Amino acid sequence: MDKATLKDIEDIRAQLVSLCNRDTISIQLEAQGKLLRPCVAHACAKAIAPELLNDDPLWFAILAVQSVHEASLLHDDIIDEAETRRGKPTLVAKAGIPTALVMGDHLLTASYHLLSQCDNIALFSCFSRAVEQTVVGEIKQARSADKEITIQQYMDMITDKTGALFGFAMGIPALLQRREDADEWIALGEWLGRLYQMLDDILDYCPQAGTGKPPFQDYIQHKPTWPWLLQETPNWQASTKELHTQWFGQQAHAQRCLDFFEEECDAFQRQCKEKLGDTHTHFVALV
């Protein structure tokens, strides 16, 4: 990641922290969060509506999408009984389920309060749909446990589970300006969200990825993800040791996964270039 992008991230973090410190907003964000969704919204604003960067509504919407994302992480940790995230103890591990549940609910409800201050019905409606889609995606994932779903079913699931909030984030500038092409920006953001989830899913099969999470957790919990679905004979009976041997002892499967992911990334970059021209590099840097 180049210096300009890193500076943008720190500027975004500082802006959100400043917003959180206002008397009317009682949100405390995760200090080490990657801020991917805020970065998407910020990059889109820089590309198509830089004048919004000095306006409160953009930052209220950006803080809202980060807030609801962090709420979803807290609820994920409760469901998964996760003890660590990004290499550090989760709130569930430190304070217990009741505290984590209430904090997640607080972040979720606060996000709607933030959006209400933007005075934009289309923006609020899109946000509500994105939150609902995220929950639907989680339900689909829970129902898919122990099953061998199709790649298309997996793509539909992650479009809801992860793509929806990315879509909203990329659509924020267009929605604030009431542009007719807002749906196109939302669709592009959903695509970026799918790529991010695909990357996250393949890193689960890479013990040396340095994600701060134990490897093979999706497999252990019988969550069907695309690297597992692309196997010639997917099954839940193999030990993690056997799975490791298959991944790193048989290069054909690893190469098949790499090719599949690169094709998706290339298609996204082409779409970005078509939509954004020379400014598409703002988003390519996020892939």
C-alpha atoms as a PDB file:
ATOM      1  CA  MET A   1       0.000   0.000   0.000  1.00  0.00           C
ATOM      2  CA  ASP A   2       1.506   3.364  -1.028  1.00  0.00           C
ATOM      3  CA  LYS A   3       2.181   6.315   1.289  1.00  0.00           C
ATOM      4  CA  ALA A   4      -0.746   8.339  -0.051  1.00  0.00           C
ATOM      5  CA  THR A   5      -3.195   5.529   0.722  1.00  0.00           C
ATOM      6  CA  LEU A   6      -1.738   5.059   4.210  1.00  0.00           C
ATOM      7  CA  LYS A   7      -2.080   8.795   4.845  1.00  0.00           C
ATOM      8  CA  ASP A   8      -5.716   8.667   3.723  1.00  0.00           C
ATOM      9  CA  ILE A   9      -6.378   5.861   6.212  1.00  0.00           C
ATOM     10  CA  GLU A  10      -4.851   7.813   9.095  1.00  0.00           C
ATOM     11  CA  ASP A  11      -6.775  10.942   8.064  1.00  0.00           C
ATOM     12  CA  ILE A  12      -9.998   8.912   7.993  1.00  0.00           C
ATOM     13  CA  ARG A  13      -9.239   7.421  11.414  1.00  0.00           C
ATOM     14  CA  ALA A  14      -8.561  10.885  12.870  1.00  0.00           C
ATOM     15  CA  GLN A  15     -11.761  12.274  11.365  1.00  0.00           C
ATOM     16  CA  LEU A  16     -13.861   9.423  12.784  1.00  0.00           C
ATOM     17  CA  VAL A  17     -12.257   9.696  16.226  1.00  0.00           C
ATOM     18  CA  SER A  18     -12.986  13.430  16.208  1.00  0.00           C
ATOM     19  CA  LEU A  19     -16.603  12.724  15.267  1.00  0.00           C
ATOM     20  CA  CYS A  20     -16.926  10.123  18.034  1.00  0.00           C
ATOM     21  CA  ASN A  21     -15.782  12.707  20.576  1.00  0.00           C
ATOM     22  CA  ARG A  22     -18.710  15.019  19.871  1.00  0.00           C
ATOM     23  CA  ASP A  23     -21.154  15.345  22.771  1.00  0.00           C
ATOM     24  CA  THR A  24     -24.077  13.996  20.736  1.00  0.00           C
ATOM     25  CA  ILE A  25     -22.275  10.805  19.650  1.00  0.00           C
ATOM     26  CA  SER A  26     -21.369   8.077  22.134  1.00  0.00           C
ATOM     27  CA  ILE A  27     -19.462   5.572  20.010  1.00  0.00           C
ATOM     28  CA  GLN A  28     -16.041   4.095  20.670  1.00  0.00           C
ATOM     29  CA  LEU A  29     -14.541   2.440  17.607  1.00  0.00           C
ATOM     30  CA  GLU A  30     -12.091  -0.452  17.581  1.00  0.00           C
ATOM     31  CA  ALA A  31      -8.666   1.190  17.708  1.00  0.00           C
ATOM     32  CA  GLN A  32      -7.006  -1.327  15.369  1.00  0.00           C
ATOM     33  CA  GLY A  33      -9.815  -1.600  12.837  1.00  0.00           C
ATOM     34  CA  LYS A  34      -8.745  -1.684   9.189  1.00  0.00           C
ATOM     35  CA  LEU A  35     -11.442   0.844   8.170  1.00  0.00           C
ATOM     36  CA  LEU A  36     -11.928  -0.794   4.779  1.00  0.00           C
ATOM     37  CA  ARG A  37     -15.497   0.397   4.318  1.00  0.00           C
ATOM     38  CA  PRO A  38     -14.681   3.993   5.306  1.00  0.00           C
ATOM     39  CA  CYS A  39     -11.733   3.821   2.895  1.00  0.00           C
ATOM     40  CA  VAL A  40     -14.063   2.726   0.091  1.00  0.00           C
ATOM     41  CA  ALA A  41     -16.457   5.610   0.752  1.00  0.00           C
ATOM     42  CA  HIS A  42     -13.577   8.081   1.036  1.00  0.00           C
ATOM     43  CA  ALA A  43     -11.953   6.877  -2.204  1.00  0.00           C
ATOM     44  CA  CYS A  44     -15.260   7.131  -4.042  1.00  0.00           C
ATOM     45  CA  ALA A  45     -15.833  10.661  -2.740  1.00  0.00           C
ATOM     46  CA  LYS A  46     -12.324  11.673  -3.856  1.00  0.00           C
ATOM     47  CA  ALA A  47     -13.033  10.279  -7.307  1.00  0.00           C
ATOM     48  CA  ILE A  48     -16.508  11.649  -8.024  1.00  0.00           C
ATOM     49  CA  ALA A  49     -17.430  14.255  -5.393  1.00  0.00           C
ATOM     50  CA  PRO A  50     -14.397  15.683  -3.549  1.00  0.00           C
ATOM     51  CA  GLU A  51     -16.473  18.615  -2.283  1.00  0.00           C
ATOM     52  CA  LEU A  52     -18.266  16.175   0.054  1.00  0.00           C
ATOM     53  CA  LEU A  53     -15.077  15.531   2.023  1.00  0.00           C
ATOM     54  CA  ASN A  54     -15.660  18.739   3.987  1.00  0.00           C
ATOM     55  CA  ASP A  55     -19.313  18.013   4.768  1.00  0.00           C
ATOM     56  CA  ASP A  56     -20.687  16.355   7.917  1.00  0.00           C
ATOM     57  CA  PRO A  57     -23.214  14.088   6.124  1.00  0.00           C
ATOM     58  CA  LEU A  58     -20.429  12.144   4.380  1.00  0.00           C
ATOM     59  CA  TRP A  59     -18.657  11.519   7.680  1.00  0.00           C
ATOM     60  CA  PHE A  60     -21.869  10.665   9.528  1.00  0.00           C
ATOM     61  CA  ALA A  61     -22.567   8.021   6.868  1.00  0.00           C
ATOM     62  CA  ILE A  62     -18.980   6.733   6.950  1.00  0.00           C
ATOM     63  CA  LEU A  63     -19.064   6.434  10.741  1.00  0.00           C
ATOM     64  CA  ALA A  64     -22.427   4.672  10.522  1.00  0.00           C
ATOM     65  CA  VAL A  65     -21.145   1.985   8.156  1.00  0.00           C
ATOM     66  CA  GLN A  66     -18.070   1.391  10.326  1.00  0.00           C
ATOM     67  CA  SER A  67     -20.226   1.280  13.450  1.00  0.00           C
ATOM     68  CA  VAL A  68     -22.600  -1.345  12.069  1.00  0.00           C
ATOM     69  CA  HIS A  69     -19.644  -3.359  10.766  1.00  0.00           C
ATOM     70  CA  GLU A  70     -18.094  -3.433  14.229  1.00  0.00           C
ATOM     71  CA  ALA A  71     -21.467  -4.416  15.686  1.00  0.00           C
ATOM     72  CA  SER A  72     -21.509  -7.376  13.292  1.00  0.00           C
ATOM     73  CA  LEU A  73     -18.017  -8.404  14.426  1.00  0.00           C
ATOM     74  CA  LEU A  74     -19.104  -8.418  18.068  1.00  0.00           C
ATOM     75  CA  HIS A  75     -22.120 -10.544  17.213  1.00  0.00           C
ATOM     76  CA  ASP A  76     -19.929 -12.854  15.098  1.00  0.00           C
ATOM     77  CA  ASP A  77     -17.607 -13.347  18.063  1.00  0.00           C
ATOM     78  CA  ILE A  78     -20.592 -14.272  20.231  1.00  0.00           C
ATOM     79  CA  ILE A  79     -21.886 -16.795  17.695  1.00  0.00           C
ATOM     80  CA  ASP A  80     -18.430 -18.309  17.110  1.00  0.00           C
ATOM     81  CA  GLU A  81     -17.425 -18.105  20.789  1.00  0.00           C
ATOM     82  CA  ALA A  82     -14.237 -16.497  19.480  1.00  0.00           C
ATOM     83  CA  GLU A  83     -11.488 -15.800  21.986  1.00  0.00           C
ATOM     84  CA  THR A  84      -9.253 -13.726  19.706  1.00  0.00           C
ATOM     85  CA  ARG A  85      -9.612 -11.292  16.802  1.00  0.00           C
ATOM     86  CA  ARG A  86      -6.655  -9.686  15.032  1.00  0.00           C
ATOM     87  CA  GLY A  87      -4.439 -11.496  17.522  1.00  0.00           C
ATOM     88  CA  LYS A  88      -6.047  -9.887  20.572  1.00  0.00           C
ATOM     89  CA  PRO A  89      -8.686 -11.076  23.075  1.00  0.00           C
ATOM     90  CA  THR A  90     -12.257 -10.389  21.978  1.00  0.00           C
ATOM     91  CA  LEU A  91     -14.734  -8.509  24.132  1.00  0.00           C
ATOM     92  CA  VAL A  92     -16.506 -11.846  24.567  1.00  0.00           C
ATOM     93  CA  ALA A  93     -13.351 -13.321  26.096  1.00  0.00           C
ATOM     94  CA  LYS A  94     -12.633 -10.269  28.249  1.00  0.00           C
ATOM     95  CA  ALA A  95     -16.084  -9.273  29.460  1.00  0.00           C
ATOM     96  CA  GLY A  96     -18.464 -12.092  28.571  1.00  0.00           C
ATOM     97  CA  ILE A  97     -21.394 -12.534  26.200  1.00  0.00           C
ATOM     98  CA  PRO A  98     -23.871 -10.123  27.882  1.00  0.00           C
ATOM     99  CA  THR A  99     -21.466  -7.174  27.646  1.00  0.00           C
ATOM    100  CA  ALA A 100     -20.493  -7.981  24.041  1.00  0.00           C
ATOM    101  CA  LEU A 101     -24.141  -8.387  23.037  1.00  0.00           C
ATOM    102  CA  VAL A 102     -25.193  -5.051  24.532  1.00  0.00           C
ATOM    103  CA  MET A 103     -22.202  -3.259  22.997  1.00  0.00           C
ATOM    104  CA  GLY A 104     -23.037  -4.736  19.588  1.00  0.00           C
ATOM    105  CA  ASP A 105     -26.642  -3.593  19.940  1.00  0.00           C
ATOM    106  CA  HIS A 106     -25.448  -0.120  20.944  1.00  0.00           C
ATOM    107  CA  LEU A 107     -23.220   0.210  17.874  1.00  0.00           C
ATOM    108  CA  LEU A 108     -26.043  -1.010  15.637  1.00  0.00           C
ATOM    109  CA  THR A 109     -28.665   1.395  16.971  1.00  0.00           C
ATOM    110  CA  ALA A 110     -26.184   4.287  17.037  1.00  0.00           C
ATOM    111  CA  SER A 111     -25.534   3.778  13.327  1.00  0.00           C
ATOM    112  CA  TYR A 112     -29.189   4.511  12.538  1.00  0.00           C
ATOM    113  CA  HIS A 113     -29.053   7.643  14.691  1.00  0.00           C
ATOM    114  CA  LEU A 114     -26.047   8.822  12.683  1.00  0.00           C
ATOM    115  CA  LEU A 115     -27.785   8.218   9.352  1.00  0.00           C
ATOM    116  CA  SER A 116     -30.886  10.089  10.513  1.00  0.00           C
ATOM    117  CA  GLN A 117     -28.772  13.253  10.756  1.00  0.00           C
ATOM    118  CA  CYS A 118     -27.960  13.150   7.032  1.00  0.00           C
ATOM    119  CA  ASP A 119     -31.509  14.192   6.038  1.00  0.00           C
ATOM    120  CA  ASN A 120     -31.483  11.887   3.018  1.00  0.00           C
ATOM    121  CA  ILE A 121     -34.231   9.283   2.721  1.00  0.00           C
ATOM    122  CA  ALA A 122     -32.545   7.400  -0.142  1.00  0.00           C
ATOM    123  CA  LEU A 123     -29.331   7.111   1.886  1.00  0.00           C
ATOM    124  CA  PHE A 124     -31.204   5.888   4.969  1.00  0.00           C
ATOM    125  CA  SER A 125     -33.218   3.393   2.927  1.00  0.00           C
ATOM    126  CA  CYS A 126     -30.101   1.997   1.237  1.00  0.00           C
ATOM    127  CA  PHE A 127     -28.382   1.645   4.600  1.00  0.00           C
ATOM    128  CA  SER A 128     -31.362  -0.202   6.092  1.00  0.00           C
ATOM    129  CA  ARG A 129     -31.401  -2.626   3.161  1.00  0.00           C
ATOM    130  CA  ALA A 130     -27.657  -3.195   3.464  1.00  0.00           C
ATOM    131  CA  VAL A 131     -27.940  -4.020   7.172  1.00  0.00           C
ATOM    132  CA  GLU A 132     -30.838  -6.380   6.449  1.00  0.00           C
ATOM    133  CA  GLN A 133     -28.840  -8.061   3.664  1.00  0.00           C
ATOM    134  CA  THR A 134     -25.903  -8.525   6.035  1.00  0.00           C
ATOM    135  CA  VAL A 135     -28.135 -10.357   8.505  1.00  0.00           C
ATOM    136  CA  VAL A 136     -29.649 -12.452   5.700  1.00  0.00           C
ATOM    137  CA  GLY A 137     -26.122 -13.409   4.628  1.00  0.00           C
ATOM    138  CA  GLU A 138     -25.319 -14.547   8.160  1.00  0.00           C
ATOM    139  CA  ILE A 139     -28.498 -16.652   8.184  1.00  0.00           C
ATOM    140  CA  LYS A 140     -27.546 -18.219   4.838  1.00  0.00           C
ATOM    141  CA  GLN A 141     -24.094 -19.028   6.210  1.00  0.00           C
ATOM    142  CA  ALA A 142     -25.546 -20.635   9.336  1.00  0.00           C
ATOM    143  CA  ARG A 143     -27.900 -22.756   7.223  1.00  0.00           C
ATOM    144  CA  SER A 144     -25.089 -23.825   4.890  1.00  0.00           C
ATOM    145  CA  ALA A 145     -22.997 -25.389   7.668  1.00  0.00           C
ATOM    146  CA  ASP A 146     -22.084 -29.027   6.940  1.00  0.00           C
ATOM    147  CA  LYS A 147     -23.424 -28.662   3.390  1.00  0.00           C
ATOM    148  CA  GLU A 148     -21.821 -28.660  -0.056  1.00  0.00           C
ATOM    149  CA  ILE A 149     -23.365 -25.617  -1.708  1.00  0.00           C
ATOM    150  CA  THR A 150     -22.650 -24.394  -5.235  1.00  0.00           C
ATOM    151  CA  ILE A 151     -20.169 -21.644  -6.034  1.00  0.00           C
ATOM    152  CA  GLN A 152     -23.093 -19.442  -7.124  1.00  0.00           C
ATOM    153  CA  GLN A 153     -24.850 -20.010  -3.799  1.00  0.00           C
ATOM    154  CA  TYR A 154     -21.613 -19.075  -2.046  1.00  0.00           C
ATOM    155  CA  MET A 155     -21.325 -15.887  -4.140  1.00  0.00           C
ATOM    156  CA  ASP A 156     -24.925 -14.947  -3.345  1.00  0.00           C
ATOM    157  CA  MET A 157     -24.257 -15.541   0.354  1.00  0.00           C
ATOM    158  CA  ILE A 158     -21.153 -13.345   0.522  1.00  0.00           C
ATOM    159  CA  THR A 159     -22.811 -10.635  -1.577  1.00  0.00           C
ATOM    160  CA  ASP A 160     -25.303 -10.335   1.271  1.00  0.00           C
ATOM    161  CA  LYS A 161     -22.964 -11.067   4.174  1.00  0.00           C
ATOM    162  CA  THR A 162     -20.077  -8.797   3.150  1.00  0.00           C
ATOM    163  CA  GLY A 163     -20.880  -7.121  -0.147  1.00  0.00           C
ATOM    164  CA  ALA A 164     -23.936  -5.214   1.077  1.00  0.00           C
ATOM    165  CA  LEU A 165     -22.064  -2.880   3.440  1.00  0.00           C
ATOM    166  CA  PHE A 166     -19.276  -2.367   0.905  1.00  0.00           C
ATOM    167  CA  GLY A 167     -21.965  -1.521  -1.639  1.00  0.00           C
ATOM    168  CA  PHE A 168     -23.509   1.037   0.675  1.00  0.00           C
ATOM    169  CA  ALA A 169     -20.079   2.514   1.416  1.00  0.00           C
ATOM    170  CA  MET A 170     -19.281   3.002  -2.265  1.00  0.00           C
ATOM    171  CA  GLY A 171     -22.746   4.364  -2.906  1.00  0.00           C
ATOM    172  CA  ILE A 172     -22.598   7.038  -0.180  1.00  0.00           C
ATOM    173  CA  PRO A 173     -21.243   9.914  -2.351  1.00  0.00           C
ATOM    174  CA  ALA A 174     -23.681   9.235  -5.202  1.00  0.00           C
ATOM    175  CA  LEU A 175     -26.613   8.901  -2.782  1.00  0.00           C
ATOM    176  CA  LEU A 176     -25.713  12.140  -1.003  1.00  0.00           C
ATOM    177  CA  GLN A 177     -25.643  13.915  -4.369  1.00  0.00           C
ATOM    178  CA  ARG A 178     -28.852  12.157  -5.455  1.00  0.00           C
ATOM    179  CA  ARG A 179     -27.162  10.925  -8.626  1.00  0.00           C
ATOM    180  CA  GLU A 180     -29.124   8.713 -11.003  1.00  0.00           C
ATOM    181  CA  ASP A 181     -26.259   6.212 -11.242  1.00  0.00           C
ATOM    182  CA  ALA A 182     -26.140   5.489  -7.486  1.00  0.00           C
ATOM    183  CA  ASP A 183     -27.204   1.864  -8.037  1.00  0.00           C
ATOM    184  CA  GLU A 184     -24.197   1.313 -10.309  1.00  0.00           C
ATOM    185  CA  TRP A 185     -21.825   2.481  -7.571  1.00  0.00           C
ATOM    186  CA  ILE A 186     -23.565   0.262  -5.042  1.00  0.00           C
ATOM    187  CA  ALA A 187     -23.200  -2.756  -7.352  1.00  0.00           C
ATOM    188  CA  LEU A 188     -19.499  -2.002  -7.828  1.00  0.00           C
ATOM    189  CA  GLY A 189     -19.046  -1.822  -4.068  1.00  0.00           C
ATOM    190  CA  GLU A 190     -20.801  -5.150  -3.602  1.00  0.00           C
ATOM    191  CA  TRP A 191     -18.347  -6.667  -6.069  1.00  0.00           C
ATOM    192  CA  LEU A 192     -15.422  -5.252  -4.096  1.00  0.00           C
ATOM    193  CA  GLY A 193     -16.944  -6.697  -0.924  1.00  0.00           C
ATOM    194  CA  ARG A 194     -17.152 -10.126  -2.517  1.00  0.00           C
ATOM    195  CA  LEU A 195     -13.466  -9.949  -3.427  1.00  0.00           C
ATOM    196  CA  TYR A 196     -12.555  -8.982   0.111  1.00  0.00           C
ATOM    197  CA  GLN A 197     -14.557 -11.896   1.542  1.00  0.00           C
ATOM    198  CA  MET A 198     -12.978 -14.290  -0.954  1.00  0.00           C
ATOM    199  CA  LEU A 199      -9.529 -13.099   0.118  1.00  0.00           C
ATOM    200  CA  ASP A 200     -10.444 -13.511   3.779  1.00  0.00           C
ATOM    201  CA  ASP A 201     -11.735 -17.015   3.096  1.00  0.00           C
ATOM    202  CA  ILE A 202      -8.617 -18.212   1.314  1.00  0.00           C
ATOM    203  CA  LEU A 203      -6.347 -16.776   4.024  1.00  0.00           C
ATOM    204  CA  ASP A 204      -8.111 -19.113   6.455  1.00  0.00           C
ATOM    205  CA  TYR A 205      -6.390 -21.957   4.587  1.00  0.00           C
ATOM    206  CA  CYS A 206      -2.957 -20.298   4.829  1.00  0.00           C
ATOM    207  CA  PRO A 207      -1.355 -20.908   8.270  1.00  0.00           C
ATOM    208  CA  GLN A 208       1.437 -18.405   7.563  1.00  0.00           C
ATOM    209  CA  ALA A 209      -0.892 -15.590   6.499  1.00  0.00           C
ATOM    210  CA  GLY A 210      -0.367 -13.617   9.710  1.00  0.00           C
ATOM    211  CA  THR A 211      -4.049 -12.751  10.125  1.00  0.00           C
ATOM    212  CA  GLY A 212      -3.990 -13.099  13.904  1.00  0.00           C
ATOM    213  CA  LYS A 213      -6.554 -15.910  13.669  1.00  0.00           C
ATOM    214  CA  PRO A 214      -5.919 -19.664  13.970  1.00  0.00           C
ATOM    215  CA  PRO A 215      -5.977 -21.335  10.515  1.00  0.00           C
ATOM    216  CA  PHE A 216      -8.715 -23.625   9.197  1.00  0.00           C
ATOM    217  CA  GLN A 217     -11.422 -22.138  11.436  1.00  0.00           C
ATOM    218  CA  ASP A 218     -13.997 -22.103   8.622  1.00  0.00           C
ATOM    219  CA  TYR A 219     -13.272 -25.752   7.907  1.00  0.00           C
ATOM    220  CA  ILE A 220     -13.373 -26.727  11.590  1.00  0.00           C
ATOM    221  CA  GLN A 221     -16.758 -24.998  11.912  1.00  0.00           C
ATOM    222  CA  HIS A 222     -17.915 -26.645   8.650  1.00  0.00           C
ATOM    223  CA  LYS A 223     -18.479 -23.341   6.854  1.00  0.00           C
ATOM    224  CA  PRO A 224     -18.344 -23.979   3.086  1.00  0.00           C
ATOM    225  CA  THR A 225     -16.127 -21.362   1.451  1.00  0.00           C
ATOM    226  CA  TRP A 226     -14.898 -21.168  -2.112  1.00  0.00           C
ATOM    227  CA  PRO A 227     -11.411 -22.742  -1.577  1.00  0.00           C
ATOM    228  CA  TRP A 228     -13.109 -25.775  -0.056  1.00  0.00           C
ATOM    229  CA  LEU A 229     -15.848 -25.890  -2.709  1.00  0.00           C
ATOM    230  CA  LEU A 230     -13.290 -25.869  -5.548  1.00  0.00           C
ATOM    231  CA  GLN A 231     -11.745 -29.126  -4.350  1.00  0.00           C
ATOM    232  CA  GLU A 232     -12.306 -32.108  -6.630  1.00  0.00           C
ATOM    233  CA  THR A 233     -13.963 -34.042  -3.799  1.00  0.00           C
ATOM    234  CA  PRO A 234     -15.006 -31.695  -0.957  1.00  0.00           C
ATOM    235  CA  ASN A 235     -15.697 -33.428   2.355  1.00  0.00           C
ATOM    236  CA  TRP A 236     -15.783 -32.578   6.051  1.00  0.00           C
ATOM    237  CA  GLN A 237     -14.067 -35.766   7.236  1.00  0.00           C
ATOM    238  CA  ALA A 238     -10.427 -34.839   6.580  1.00  0.00           C
ATOM    239  CA  SER A 239      -8.272 -33.748   9.504  1.00  0.00           C
ATOM    240  CA  THR A 240      -6.670 -30.300   9.385  1.00  0.00           C
ATOM    241  CA  LYS A 241      -3.323 -32.061   8.896  1.00  0.00           C
ATOM    242  CA  GLU A 242      -4.678 -33.862   5.830  1.00  0.00           C
ATOM    243  CA  LEU A 243      -6.156 -30.597   4.607  1.00  0.00           C
ATOM    244  CA  HIS A 244      -2.789 -28.884   4.983  1.00  0.00           C
ATOM    245  CA  THR A 245      -1.128 -31.697   3.016  1.00  0.00           C
ATOM    246  CA  GLN A 246      -3.704 -31.402   0.248  1.00  0.00           C
ATOM    247  CA  TRP A 247      -3.245 -27.643   0.000  1.00  0.00           C
ATOM    248  CA  PHE A 248       0.516 -27.515   0.103  1.00  0.00           C
ATOM    249  CA  GLY A 249       1.348 -30.946  -1.248  1.00  0.00           C
ATOM    250  CA  GLN A 250      -0.852 -30.729  -4.327  1.00  0.00           C
ATOM    251  CA  GLN A 251      -0.095 -27.556  -6.228  1.00  0.00           C
ATOM    252  CA  ALA A 252      -2.889 -28.110  -8.730  1.00  0.00           C
ATOM    253  CA  HIS A 253      -5.625 -27.163  -6.258  1.00  0.00           C
ATOM    254  CA  ALA A 254      -3.750 -24.131  -4.942  1.00  0.00           C
ATOM    255  CA  GLN A 255      -3.152 -22.964  -8.531  1.00  0.00           C
ATOM    256  CA  ARG A 256      -6.820 -23.505  -9.395  1.00  0.00           C
ATOM    257  CA  CYS A 257      -7.806 -21.273  -6.459  1.00  0.00           C
ATOM    258  CA  LEU A 258      -5.251 -18.624  -7.400  1.00  0.00           C
ATOM    259  CA  ASP A 259      -6.463 -18.550 -11.013  1.00  0.00           C
ATOM    260  CA  PHE A 260     -10.093 -18.306  -9.913  1.00  0.00           C
ATOM    261  CA  PHE A 261      -9.386 -15.374  -7.604  1.00  0.00           C
ATOM    262  CA  GLU A 262      -7.215 -13.549 -10.148  1.00  0.00           C
ATOM    263  CA  GLU A 263      -9.981 -13.803 -12.746  1.00  0.00           C
ATOM    264  CA  GLU A 264     -12.422 -12.184 -10.319  1.00  0.00           C
ATOM    265  CA  CYS A 265      -9.937  -9.401  -9.474  1.00  0.00           C
ATOM    266  CA  ASP A 266      -9.160  -8.721 -13.145  1.00  0.00           C
ATOM    267  CA  ALA A 267     -12.856  -8.471 -13.990  1.00  0.00           C
ATOM    268  CA  PHE A 268     -13.389  -6.009 -11.133  1.00  0.00           C
ATOM    269  CA  GLN A 269     -10.456  -3.854 -12.247  1.00  0.00           C
ATOM    270  CA  ARG A 270     -11.789  -3.734 -15.802  1.00  0.00           C
ATOM    271  CA  GLN A 271     -15.183  -2.625 -14.511  1.00  0.00           C
ATOM    272  CA  CYS A 272     -13.554   0.041 -12.316  1.00  0.00           C
ATOM    273  CA  LYS A 273     -11.558   1.396 -15.239  1.00  0.00           C
ATOM    274  CA  GLU A 274     -14.657   1.520 -17.424  1.00  0.00           C
ATOM    275  CA  LYS A 275     -16.600   3.377 -14.729  1.00  0.00           C
ATOM    276  CA  LEU A 276     -13.876   5.638 -13.347  1.00  0.00           C
ATOM    277  CA  GLY A 277     -11.241   6.061 -16.038  1.00  0.00           C
ATOM    278  CA  ASP A 278      -7.859   7.081 -14.655  1.00  0.00           C
ATOM    279  CA  THR A 279      -9.231   7.470 -11.111  1.00  0.00           C
ATOM    280  CA  HIS A 280      -9.956   3.723 -10.878  1.00  0.00           C
ATOM    281  CA  THR A 281      -6.581   3.267  -9.148  1.00  0.00           C
ATOM    282  CA  HIS A 282      -8.206   4.602  -5.945  1.00  0.00           C
ATOM    283  CA  PHE A 283     -10.123   1.328  -5.755  1.00  0.00           C
ATOM    284  CA  VAL A 284      -7.596  -1.054  -7.269  1.00  0.00           C
ATOM    285  CA  ALA A 285      -5.330  -0.149  -4.326  1.00  0.00           C
ATOM    286  CA  LEU A 286      -8.007  -1.556  -2.006  1.00  0.00           C
ATOM    287  CA  VAL A 287      -8.171  -4.969  -3.700  1.00  0.00           C
END
